[in-house]
Amino acid sequence: MFCKHKENGYNEVLPGIRMRTTVYGNSTLMTEFVMMKGSNLPEHDHMHEQTGYLVSGLISLSIGDETFEVSAGDSWTIPGNVPHSARIIEDSVAIEVFSPRRDEYIQKM
């Protein structure tokens, strides 16, 4: 699958947090998250391993019992079934890959 960059196709998943599925295969799915300063991603967990890269901005990311200040260029991996949350300190953009693929995110393309 190949996907050209486009400016539309985002869905608001939480107040101040929009996502767009960019591309997916049999085992992985990649998303772009646009997050506004002051928004929050509440603590949650899921079966998917989640690997991310912060393109721009600044966030506070909690993974399990650890909290990290994440700035542009930093990356992370969250194992499946581990609680995690984020507080958005500056307007931010992140790219994240999920494995196995999150089929519910394909529906939001």
N, C-alpha and C. Protein backbone atom coordinates (compact mmCIF):
# COMPACT_ATOMS: atom_id res chain seq x y z
N MET A 1 0.86 -1.17 0.00
CA MET A 1 0.00 0.00 0.00
C MET A 1 0.90 1.23 0.00
N PHE A 2 0.52 2.23 -0.76
CA PHE A 2 1.21 3.52 -0.80
C PHE A 2 0.17 4.58 -0.51
N CYS A 3 0.55 5.59 0.24
CA CYS A 3 -0.39 6.66 0.58
C CYS A 3 0.29 8.01 0.41
N LYS A 4 -0.28 8.88 -0.40
CA LYS A 4 0.20 10.24 -0.57
C LYS A 4 -0.24 11.08 0.62
N HIS A 5 0.62 12.02 1.02
CA HIS A 5 0.27 12.94 2.10
C HIS A 5 -0.94 13.77 1.69
N LYS A 6 -1.84 13.97 2.62
CA LYS A 6 -2.99 14.85 2.39
C LYS A 6 -3.28 15.63 3.65
N GLU A 7 -3.90 16.76 3.49
CA GLU A 7 -4.17 17.65 4.63
C GLU A 7 -5.49 17.31 5.34
N ASN A 8 -6.33 16.49 4.73
CA ASN A 8 -7.62 16.18 5.35
C ASN A 8 -7.65 14.73 5.83
N GLY A 9 -8.80 14.30 6.29
CA GLY A 9 -8.96 12.92 6.73
C GLY A 9 -8.74 12.70 8.21
N TYR A 10 -8.62 13.77 8.99
CA TYR A 10 -8.41 13.64 10.43
C TYR A 10 -9.74 13.45 11.14
N ASN A 11 -9.71 12.66 12.21
CA ASN A 11 -10.87 12.47 13.07
C ASN A 11 -10.50 12.91 14.48
N GLU A 12 -11.39 13.67 15.13
CA GLU A 12 -11.13 14.06 16.52
C GLU A 12 -11.48 12.87 17.40
N VAL A 13 -10.47 12.35 18.11
CA VAL A 13 -10.68 11.20 18.98
C VAL A 13 -10.93 11.62 20.43
N LEU A 14 -10.39 12.76 20.80
CA LEU A 14 -10.60 13.38 22.11
C LEU A 14 -10.52 14.88 21.90
N PRO A 15 -11.05 15.68 22.82
CA PRO A 15 -10.93 17.13 22.65
C PRO A 15 -9.46 17.55 22.49
N GLY A 16 -9.16 18.19 21.37
CA GLY A 16 -7.80 18.67 21.11
C GLY A 16 -6.85 17.64 20.54
N ILE A 17 -7.34 16.42 20.28
CA ILE A 17 -6.49 15.37 19.71
C ILE A 17 -7.17 14.80 18.47
N ARG A 18 -6.49 14.97 17.33
CA ARG A 18 -6.99 14.45 16.05
C ARG A 18 -6.03 13.39 15.54
N MET A 19 -6.57 12.41 14.84
CA MET A 19 -5.73 11.35 14.27
C MET A 19 -6.13 11.06 12.84
N ARG A 20 -5.15 10.55 12.12
CA ARG A 20 -5.39 10.12 10.74
C ARG A 20 -4.56 8.87 10.51
N THR A 21 -5.21 7.79 10.08
CA THR A 21 -4.47 6.60 9.69
C THR A 21 -3.81 6.89 8.35
N THR A 22 -2.50 6.68 8.27
CA THR A 22 -1.79 7.01 7.04
C THR A 22 -1.62 5.81 6.13
N VAL A 23 -1.28 4.67 6.68
CA VAL A 23 -1.04 3.47 5.88
C VAL A 23 -1.09 2.25 6.79
N TYR A 24 -1.39 1.09 6.23
CA TYR A 24 -1.42 -0.13 7.03
C TYR A 24 -1.09 -1.33 6.15
N GLY A 25 -0.65 -2.39 6.82
CA GLY A 25 -0.38 -3.66 6.15
C GLY A 25 -1.08 -4.78 6.88
N ASN A 26 -0.59 -5.98 6.71
CA ASN A 26 -1.21 -7.14 7.36
C ASN A 26 -1.00 -7.14 8.87
N SER A 27 0.14 -6.61 9.35
CA SER A 27 0.49 -6.70 10.76
C SER A 27 0.63 -5.37 11.46
N THR A 28 0.79 -4.27 10.72
CA THR A 28 1.03 -2.97 11.34
C THR A 28 0.10 -1.91 10.76
N LEU A 29 -0.02 -0.83 11.51
CA LEU A 29 -0.82 0.31 11.09
C LEU A 29 -0.11 1.56 11.59
N MET A 30 -0.02 2.60 10.74
CA MET A 30 0.64 3.83 11.13
C MET A 30 -0.37 4.97 11.15
N THR A 31 -0.27 5.79 12.20
CA THR A 31 -1.17 6.92 12.36
C THR A 31 -0.39 8.20 12.62
N GLU A 32 -1.02 9.30 12.30
CA GLU A 32 -0.49 10.63 12.63
C GLU A 32 -1.45 11.25 13.63
N PHE A 33 -0.91 11.72 14.74
CA PHE A 33 -1.71 12.39 15.76
C PHE A 33 -1.32 13.86 15.81
N VAL A 34 -2.31 14.74 15.76
CA VAL A 34 -2.12 16.18 15.91
C VAL A 34 -2.78 16.54 17.23
N MET A 35 -1.97 17.08 18.15
CA MET A 35 -2.44 17.30 19.52
C MET A 35 -2.24 18.75 19.92
N MET A 36 -3.27 19.36 20.42
CA MET A 36 -3.23 20.76 20.80
C MET A 36 -2.77 20.93 22.25
N LYS A 37 -2.01 22.00 22.48
CA LYS A 37 -1.53 22.34 23.81
C LYS A 37 -2.69 22.31 24.81
N GLY A 38 -2.47 21.68 25.96
CA GLY A 38 -3.48 21.62 27.01
C GLY A 38 -4.39 20.40 26.94
N SER A 39 -4.33 19.64 25.85
CA SER A 39 -5.17 18.44 25.77
C SER A 39 -4.50 17.28 26.51
N ASN A 40 -5.30 16.27 26.80
CA ASN A 40 -4.82 15.13 27.57
C ASN A 40 -5.31 13.83 26.96
N LEU A 41 -4.45 12.84 26.98
CA LEU A 41 -4.82 11.48 26.62
C LEU A 41 -4.90 10.70 27.93
N PRO A 42 -6.12 10.36 28.36
CA PRO A 42 -6.27 9.69 29.66
C PRO A 42 -5.57 8.33 29.68
N GLU A 43 -5.24 7.87 30.88
CA GLU A 43 -4.59 6.57 31.02
C GLU A 43 -5.48 5.48 30.42
N HIS A 44 -4.86 4.61 29.65
CA HIS A 44 -5.56 3.49 29.04
C HIS A 44 -4.52 2.42 28.67
N ASP A 45 -4.98 1.27 28.25
CA ASP A 45 -4.09 0.24 27.73
C ASP A 45 -4.83 -0.54 26.66
N HIS A 46 -4.08 -1.25 25.85
CA HIS A 46 -4.64 -2.08 24.79
C HIS A 46 -3.63 -3.17 24.47
N MET A 47 -4.05 -4.17 23.73
CA MET A 47 -3.19 -5.31 23.42
C MET A 47 -2.06 -4.97 22.46
N HIS A 48 -2.16 -3.86 21.76
CA HIS A 48 -1.21 -3.52 20.70
C HIS A 48 0.09 -2.94 21.24
N GLU A 49 1.23 -3.39 20.68
CA GLU A 49 2.49 -2.70 20.91
C GLU A 49 2.41 -1.40 20.11
N GLN A 50 2.93 -0.33 20.69
CA GLN A 50 2.79 1.00 20.10
C GLN A 50 4.16 1.67 20.09
N THR A 51 4.64 2.01 18.91
CA THR A 51 5.95 2.65 18.76
C THR A 51 5.72 4.03 18.16
N GLY A 52 6.31 5.06 18.78
CA GLY A 52 6.04 6.42 18.34
C GLY A 52 7.28 7.27 18.18
N TYR A 53 7.08 8.36 17.45
CA TYR A 53 8.11 9.36 17.17
C TYR A 53 7.45 10.73 17.22
N LEU A 54 8.00 11.64 18.02
CA LEU A 54 7.44 12.99 18.11
C LEU A 54 8.08 13.86 17.03
N VAL A 55 7.28 14.27 16.07
CA VAL A 55 7.74 15.08 14.95
C VAL A 55 7.99 16.51 15.40
N SER A 56 7.04 17.04 16.19
CA SER A 56 7.17 18.42 16.67
C SER A 56 6.42 18.56 17.98
N GLY A 57 6.82 19.56 18.78
CA GLY A 57 6.12 19.86 20.02
C GLY A 57 6.80 19.32 21.26
N LEU A 58 6.01 19.21 22.32
CA LEU A 58 6.49 18.76 23.62
C LEU A 58 5.31 18.13 24.36
N ILE A 59 5.53 16.90 24.85
CA ILE A 59 4.49 16.21 25.62
C ILE A 59 5.11 15.57 26.85
N SER A 60 4.26 15.29 27.83
CA SER A 60 4.65 14.49 28.99
C SER A 60 3.98 13.14 28.80
N LEU A 61 4.78 12.09 28.64
CA LEU A 61 4.28 10.75 28.34
C LEU A 61 4.54 9.82 29.51
N SER A 62 3.49 9.20 30.02
CA SER A 62 3.62 8.22 31.09
C SER A 62 3.41 6.83 30.52
N ILE A 63 4.36 5.94 30.81
CA ILE A 63 4.30 4.54 30.39
C ILE A 63 4.51 3.71 31.65
N GLY A 64 3.47 3.01 32.05
CA GLY A 64 3.57 2.27 33.32
C GLY A 64 3.82 3.25 34.45
N ASP A 65 4.88 3.02 35.23
CA ASP A 65 5.20 3.87 36.38
C ASP A 65 6.19 4.98 36.06
N GLU A 66 6.60 5.11 34.79
CA GLU A 66 7.58 6.13 34.41
C GLU A 66 6.94 7.24 33.60
N THR A 67 7.46 8.47 33.79
CA THR A 67 6.99 9.62 33.02
C THR A 67 8.20 10.27 32.35
N PHE A 68 8.02 10.63 31.07
CA PHE A 68 9.10 11.18 30.27
C PHE A 68 8.66 12.50 29.66
N GLU A 69 9.56 13.48 29.62
CA GLU A 69 9.32 14.69 28.86
C GLU A 69 9.83 14.41 27.44
N VAL A 70 8.93 14.40 26.49
CA VAL A 70 9.24 14.01 25.12
C VAL A 70 9.25 15.25 24.24
N SER A 71 10.37 15.49 23.56
CA SER A 71 10.47 16.63 22.65
C SER A 71 10.71 16.11 21.23
N ALA A 72 10.62 17.01 20.26
CA ALA A 72 10.75 16.65 18.85
C ALA A 72 12.01 15.82 18.63
N GLY A 73 11.87 14.71 17.93
CA GLY A 73 12.98 13.82 17.65
C GLY A 73 13.07 12.63 18.59
N ASP A 74 12.35 12.67 19.72
CA ASP A 74 12.36 11.55 20.67
C ASP A 74 11.38 10.46 20.20
N SER A 75 11.64 9.22 20.64
CA SER A 75 10.77 8.11 20.25
C SER A 75 10.54 7.18 21.45
N TRP A 76 9.57 6.29 21.33
CA TRP A 76 9.18 5.41 22.43
C TRP A 76 8.54 4.13 21.90
N THR A 77 8.51 3.13 22.75
CA THR A 77 7.74 1.92 22.51
C THR A 77 6.96 1.60 23.78
N ILE A 78 5.69 1.30 23.59
CA ILE A 78 4.82 0.93 24.71
C ILE A 78 4.40 -0.52 24.48
N PRO A 79 4.80 -1.43 25.35
CA PRO A 79 4.38 -2.82 25.19
C PRO A 79 2.86 -2.95 25.29
N GLY A 80 2.32 -3.99 24.70
CA GLY A 80 0.89 -4.24 24.82
C GLY A 80 0.47 -4.42 26.27
N ASN A 81 -0.74 -3.98 26.58
CA ASN A 81 -1.36 -4.12 27.90
C ASN A 81 -0.66 -3.35 29.02
N VAL A 82 0.13 -2.34 28.68
CA VAL A 82 0.78 -1.49 29.68
C VAL A 82 0.04 -0.16 29.72
N PRO A 83 -0.42 0.29 30.89
CA PRO A 83 -1.12 1.57 30.97
C PRO A 83 -0.22 2.72 30.53
N HIS A 84 -0.80 3.68 29.81
CA HIS A 84 -0.06 4.86 29.37
C HIS A 84 -1.01 6.04 29.19
N SER A 85 -0.43 7.24 29.27
CA SER A 85 -1.21 8.47 29.14
C SER A 85 -0.27 9.57 28.66
N ALA A 86 -0.86 10.70 28.25
CA ALA A 86 -0.03 11.83 27.80
C ALA A 86 -0.71 13.14 28.15
N ARG A 87 0.13 14.11 28.47
CA ARG A 87 -0.31 15.49 28.69
C ARG A 87 0.42 16.33 27.64
N ILE A 88 -0.33 17.10 26.87
CA ILE A 88 0.24 17.85 25.75
C ILE A 88 0.65 19.23 26.25
N ILE A 89 1.96 19.50 26.25
CA ILE A 89 2.52 20.74 26.79
C ILE A 89 2.57 21.83 25.73
N GLU A 90 2.87 21.46 24.49
CA GLU A 90 2.88 22.38 23.34
C GLU A 90 2.12 21.70 22.20
N ASP A 91 1.61 22.47 21.25
CA ASP A 91 1.04 21.85 20.06
C ASP A 91 2.04 20.85 19.53
N SER A 92 1.58 19.63 19.23
CA SER A 92 2.49 18.54 18.89
C SER A 92 1.95 17.67 17.77
N VAL A 93 2.88 17.02 17.07
CA VAL A 93 2.53 16.03 16.05
C VAL A 93 3.36 14.78 16.32
N ALA A 94 2.69 13.63 16.36
CA ALA A 94 3.37 12.35 16.59
C ALA A 94 2.96 11.36 15.51
N ILE A 95 3.89 10.49 15.16
CA ILE A 95 3.62 9.36 14.27
C ILE A 95 3.73 8.11 15.13
N GLU A 96 2.73 7.23 15.04
CA GLU A 96 2.77 6.01 15.84
C GLU A 96 2.40 4.80 14.97
N VAL A 97 3.08 3.69 15.27
CA VAL A 97 2.84 2.43 14.59
C VAL A 97 2.31 1.43 15.61
N PHE A 98 1.25 0.73 15.25
CA PHE A 98 0.63 -0.27 16.12
C PHE A 98 0.78 -1.66 15.52
N SER A 99 1.09 -2.63 16.39
CA SER A 99 1.16 -4.02 15.98
C SER A 99 0.59 -4.88 17.10
N PRO A 100 -0.33 -5.80 16.83
CA PRO A 100 -0.91 -6.01 15.52
C PRO A 100 -1.72 -4.80 15.07
N ARG A 101 -2.08 -4.80 13.83
CA ARG A 101 -2.83 -3.71 13.22
C ARG A 101 -4.12 -3.44 13.99
N ARG A 102 -4.46 -2.16 14.15
CA ARG A 102 -5.70 -1.77 14.82
C ARG A 102 -6.79 -1.58 13.77
N ASP A 103 -7.58 -2.61 13.58
CA ASP A 103 -8.59 -2.56 12.53
C ASP A 103 -9.61 -1.46 12.74
N GLU A 104 -9.89 -1.10 14.00
CA GLU A 104 -10.85 -0.01 14.23
C GLU A 104 -10.34 1.31 13.70
N TYR A 105 -9.04 1.46 13.55
CA TYR A 105 -8.47 2.70 12.99
C TYR A 105 -8.58 2.72 11.47
N ILE A 106 -8.68 1.57 10.83
CA ILE A 106 -8.88 1.53 9.38
C ILE A 106 -10.23 2.11 9.04
N GLN A 107 -11.21 1.86 9.88
CA GLN A 107 -12.56 2.37 9.65
C GLN A 107 -12.58 3.90 9.67
N LYS A 108 -11.58 4.51 10.33
CA LYS A 108 -11.55 5.97 10.47
C LYS A 108 -10.76 6.64 9.35
N MET A 109 -10.36 5.89 8.33
CA MET A 109 -9.60 6.48 7.23
C MET A 109 -10.49 7.33 6.35
